[in-house]
C-alpha atoms as a PDB file:
ATOM      1  CA  GLN A   1       0.065  39.824  14.339  1.00  0.00           C
ATOM      2  CA  GLN A   2      -1.605  37.581  16.743  1.00  0.00           C
ATOM      3  CA  GLN A   3      -3.100  34.852  14.601  1.00  0.00           C
ATOM      4  CA  PRO A   4      -1.170  32.527  13.106  1.00  0.00           C
ATOM      5  CA  VAL A   5      -1.345  32.293   9.236  1.00  0.00           C
ATOM      6  CA  GLU A   6      -0.982  29.371   7.160  1.00  0.00           C
ATOM      7  CA  SER A   7      -0.278  28.065   3.756  1.00  0.00           C
ATOM      8  CA  GLY A   8       0.437  25.348   1.100  1.00  0.00           C
ATOM      9  CA  GLY A   9      -2.951  23.389   1.521  1.00  0.00           C
ATOM     10  CA  GLY A  10      -4.005  22.353  -1.984  1.00  0.00           C
ATOM     11  CA  LEU A  11      -5.744  19.254  -3.949  1.00  0.00           C
ATOM     12  CA  VAL A  12      -3.549  16.514  -4.093  1.00  0.00           C
ATOM     13  CA  GLN A  13      -3.834  12.907  -5.560  1.00  0.00           C
ATOM     14  CA  ALA A  14      -3.449   9.532  -3.061  1.00  0.00           C
ATOM     15  CA  GLY A  15       0.555   8.804  -2.393  1.00  0.00           C
ATOM     16  CA  GLU A  16       1.515  12.214  -3.270  1.00  0.00           C
ATOM     17  CA  SER A  17       3.229  14.862  -0.362  1.00  0.00           C
ATOM     18  CA  LEU A  18       2.415  18.236   0.327  1.00  0.00           C
ATOM     19  CA  THR A  19       4.038  20.663   3.034  1.00  0.00           C
ATOM     20  CA  LEU A  20       1.536  22.920   5.305  1.00  0.00           C
ATOM     21  CA  THR A  21       3.302  26.058   6.842  1.00  0.00           C
ATOM     22  CA  CYS A  22       2.208  28.542   9.752  1.00  0.00           C
ATOM     23  CA  VAL A  23       3.914  31.758  10.305  1.00  0.00           C
ATOM     24  CA  HIS A  24       3.457  33.807  13.551  1.00  0.00           C
ATOM     25  CA  SER A  25       5.093  37.276  14.722  1.00  0.00           C
ATOM     26  CA  ALA A  26       6.388  36.178  17.845  1.00  0.00           C
ATOM     27  CA  SER A  27       9.727  34.104  18.388  1.00  0.00           C
ATOM     28  CA  ILE A  28       9.724  31.676  21.472  1.00  0.00           C
ATOM     29  CA  PHE A  29       6.856  29.111  21.636  1.00  0.00           C
ATOM     30  CA  ALA A  30       5.923  26.640  24.562  1.00  0.00           C
ATOM     31  CA  THR A  31       4.093  24.453  21.996  1.00  0.00           C
ATOM     32  CA  VAL A  32       3.319  24.624  18.456  1.00  0.00           C
ATOM     33  CA  GLY A  33       0.598  22.070  16.462  1.00  0.00           C
ATOM     34  CA  TRP A  34      -1.252  21.277  13.948  1.00  0.00           C
ATOM     35  CA  TYR A  35      -4.995  19.982  13.822  1.00  0.00           C
ATOM     36  CA  ARG A  36      -7.734  19.402  11.351  1.00  0.00           C
ATOM     37  CA  GLN A  37     -11.373  18.972  10.748  1.00  0.00           C
ATOM     38  CA  ALA A  38     -12.945  16.874   8.252  1.00  0.00           C
ATOM     39  CA  PRO A  39     -16.843  17.922   6.980  1.00  0.00           C
ATOM     40  CA  GLY A  40     -18.725  16.548   9.579  1.00  0.00           C
ATOM     41  CA  LYS A  41     -16.143  15.542  11.982  1.00  0.00           C
ATOM     42  CA  GLN A  42     -14.875  17.129  15.293  1.00  0.00           C
ATOM     43  CA  ARG A  43     -11.394  19.025  15.342  1.00  0.00           C
ATOM     44  CA  GLU A  44      -8.937  16.280  15.897  1.00  0.00           C
ATOM     45  CA  PHE A  45      -4.814  16.344  16.768  1.00  0.00           C
ATOM     46  CA  VAL A  46      -2.371  15.816  14.126  1.00  0.00           C
ATOM     47  CA  ALA A  47       1.102  17.031  15.963  1.00  0.00           C
ATOM     48  CA  THR A  48       2.452  18.755  18.227  1.00  0.00           C
ATOM     49  CA  LEU A  49       6.488  20.361  18.775  1.00  0.00           C
ATOM     50  CA  THR A  50       6.999  21.579  22.336  1.00  0.00           C
ATOM     51  CA  GLY A  51      10.056  24.173  22.951  1.00  0.00           C
ATOM     52  CA  SER A  52      11.871  21.654  24.182  1.00  0.00           C
ATOM     53  CA  GLY A  53      11.687  19.361  21.214  1.00  0.00           C
ATOM     54  CA  ARG A  54       8.822  16.710  22.176  1.00  0.00           C
ATOM     55  CA  THR A  55       7.121  15.702  19.414  1.00  0.00           C
ATOM     56  CA  ASP A  56       3.683  13.900  19.325  1.00  0.00           C
ATOM     57  CA  TYR A  57       1.501  12.441  16.662  1.00  0.00           C
ATOM     58  CA  ALA A  58      -1.802  11.038  16.154  1.00  0.00           C
ATOM     59  CA  ASP A  59      -1.126   7.146  15.481  1.00  0.00           C
ATOM     60  CA  SER A  60      -3.384   7.743  12.244  1.00  0.00           C
ATOM     61  CA  VAL A  61      -0.406  10.036  11.029  1.00  0.00           C
ATOM     62  CA  LYS A  62       2.734   8.425  12.604  1.00  0.00           C
ATOM     63  CA  ASP A  63       5.821   7.792   9.861  1.00  0.00           C
ATOM     64  CA  ARG A  64       3.594   9.604   7.487  1.00  0.00           C
ATOM     65  CA  PHE A  65       3.617  13.475   9.095  1.00  0.00           C
ATOM     66  CA  THR A  66       6.761  15.338  10.378  1.00  0.00           C
ATOM     67  CA  ILE A  67       6.089  18.270  12.370  1.00  0.00           C
ATOM     68  CA  SER A  68       9.177  20.711  12.121  1.00  0.00           C
ATOM     69  CA  THR A  69       9.263  24.581  12.993  1.00  0.00           C
ATOM     70  CA  GLY A  70      11.940  27.307  11.459  1.00  0.00           C
ATOM     71  CA  SER A  71      13.644  30.763  13.020  1.00  0.00           C
ATOM     72  CA  PRO A  72      13.509  33.869  13.555  1.00  0.00           C
ATOM     73  CA  LYS A  73       9.534  34.140  13.841  1.00  0.00           C
ATOM     74  CA  ILE A  74       7.946  31.379  14.951  1.00  0.00           C
ATOM     75  CA  THR A  75       7.246  29.148  11.484  1.00  0.00           C
ATOM     76  CA  VAL A  76       5.921  25.489  11.841  1.00  0.00           C
ATOM     77  CA  TYR A  77       5.886  23.230   9.081  1.00  0.00           C
ATOM     78  CA  LEU A  78       4.371  19.582   8.355  1.00  0.00           C
ATOM     79  CA  GLN A  79       5.571  17.505   5.975  1.00  0.00           C
ATOM     80  CA  MET A  80       2.599  15.186   4.608  1.00  0.00           C
ATOM     81  CA  ASN A  81       3.230  12.302   2.991  1.00  0.00           C
ATOM     82  CA  SER A  82       1.596   9.082   1.619  1.00  0.00           C
ATOM     83  CA  LEU A  83      -0.915  10.934   1.641  1.00  0.00           C
ATOM     84  CA  LYS A  84      -4.684   9.313   1.905  1.00  0.00           C
ATOM     85  CA  PRO A  85      -8.498  10.564   0.900  1.00  0.00           C
ATOM     86  CA  GLU A  86      -9.032   9.982   4.916  1.00  0.00           C
ATOM     87  CA  ASP A  87      -6.512  12.847   5.252  1.00  0.00           C
ATOM     88  CA  THR A  88      -9.018  15.246   3.738  1.00  0.00           C
ATOM     89  CA  ALA A  89     -10.013  18.095   6.198  1.00  0.00           C
ATOM     90  CA  VAL A  90      -9.152  21.619   7.140  1.00  0.00           C
ATOM     91  CA  TYR A  91      -5.815  21.771   8.816  1.00  0.00           C
ATOM     92  CA  TYR A  92      -5.473  24.413  11.765  1.00  0.00           C
ATOM     93  CA  CYS A  93      -2.225  25.764  13.202  1.00  0.00           C
ATOM     94  CA  ASN A  94      -1.989  26.376  16.775  1.00  0.00           C
ATOM     95  CA  ILE A  95       0.268  28.415  18.858  1.00  0.00           C
ATOM     96  CA  LYS A  96       0.667  28.444  22.528  1.00  0.00           C
ATOM     97  CA  LEU A  97       3.701  31.114  23.698  1.00  0.00           C
ATOM     98  CA  ASP A  98       2.873  30.266  27.310  1.00  0.00           C
ATOM     99  CA  ALA A  99       2.899  27.109  29.063  1.00  0.00           C
ATOM    100  CA  LEU A 100      -0.208  27.430  30.630  1.00  0.00           C
ATOM    101  CA  GLY A 101      -1.966  28.391  27.864  1.00  0.00           C
ATOM    102  CA  LEU A 102      -2.492  32.189  28.256  1.00  0.00           C
ATOM    103  CA  TYR A 103      -1.472  32.990  25.361  1.00  0.00           C
ATOM    104  CA  ASP A 104      -2.969  30.597  22.524  1.00  0.00           C
ATOM    105  CA  TYR A 105      -3.501  31.191  18.853  1.00  0.00           C
ATOM    106  CA  TRP A 106      -5.539  29.774  15.951  1.00  0.00           C
ATOM    107  CA  GLY A 107      -4.798  30.334  12.450  1.00  0.00           C
ATOM    108  CA  GLN A 108      -7.902  30.729  10.473  1.00  0.00           C
ATOM    109  CA  GLY A 109      -7.370  27.123   8.676  1.00  0.00           C
ATOM    110  CA  THR A 110      -6.312  25.369   5.011  1.00  0.00           C
ATOM    111  CA  GLN A 111      -7.628  22.900   3.225  1.00  0.00           C
ATOM    112  CA  VAL A 112      -6.106  20.085   1.949  1.00  0.00           C
ATOM    113  CA  THR A 113      -7.782  17.516  -0.283  1.00  0.00           C
ATOM    114  CA  VAL A 114      -6.526  13.893  -1.188  1.00  0.00           C
ATOM    115  CA  SER A 115      -8.169  12.530  -4.323  1.00  0.00           C
ATOM    116  CA  SER A 116      -8.464   8.535  -4.561  1.00  0.00           C
END
């Protein structure tokens, strides 16, 4: 299985929380991340985590979202708190198994809808 499998999307009200999960069959990664695409907009960066533990977040989600991983298979979580209507999008998981990006995999996406 090369394509990551995402789960956890859904419909929530503003201010609520949601956790997305992404699973890949490999056990070691270089970088994992979450991206999102709202209707009519380009896909945008949300958060990444490197194998060394460095995290980066988009300014729009900083202090509200947390990216983390689990084992033994690559499992990537995105804990989303204090959700806003503008967080509504399809969220995609990205797994890079190597630093050069030669083994770069995207999930199929999971819909997150936040109502006001």
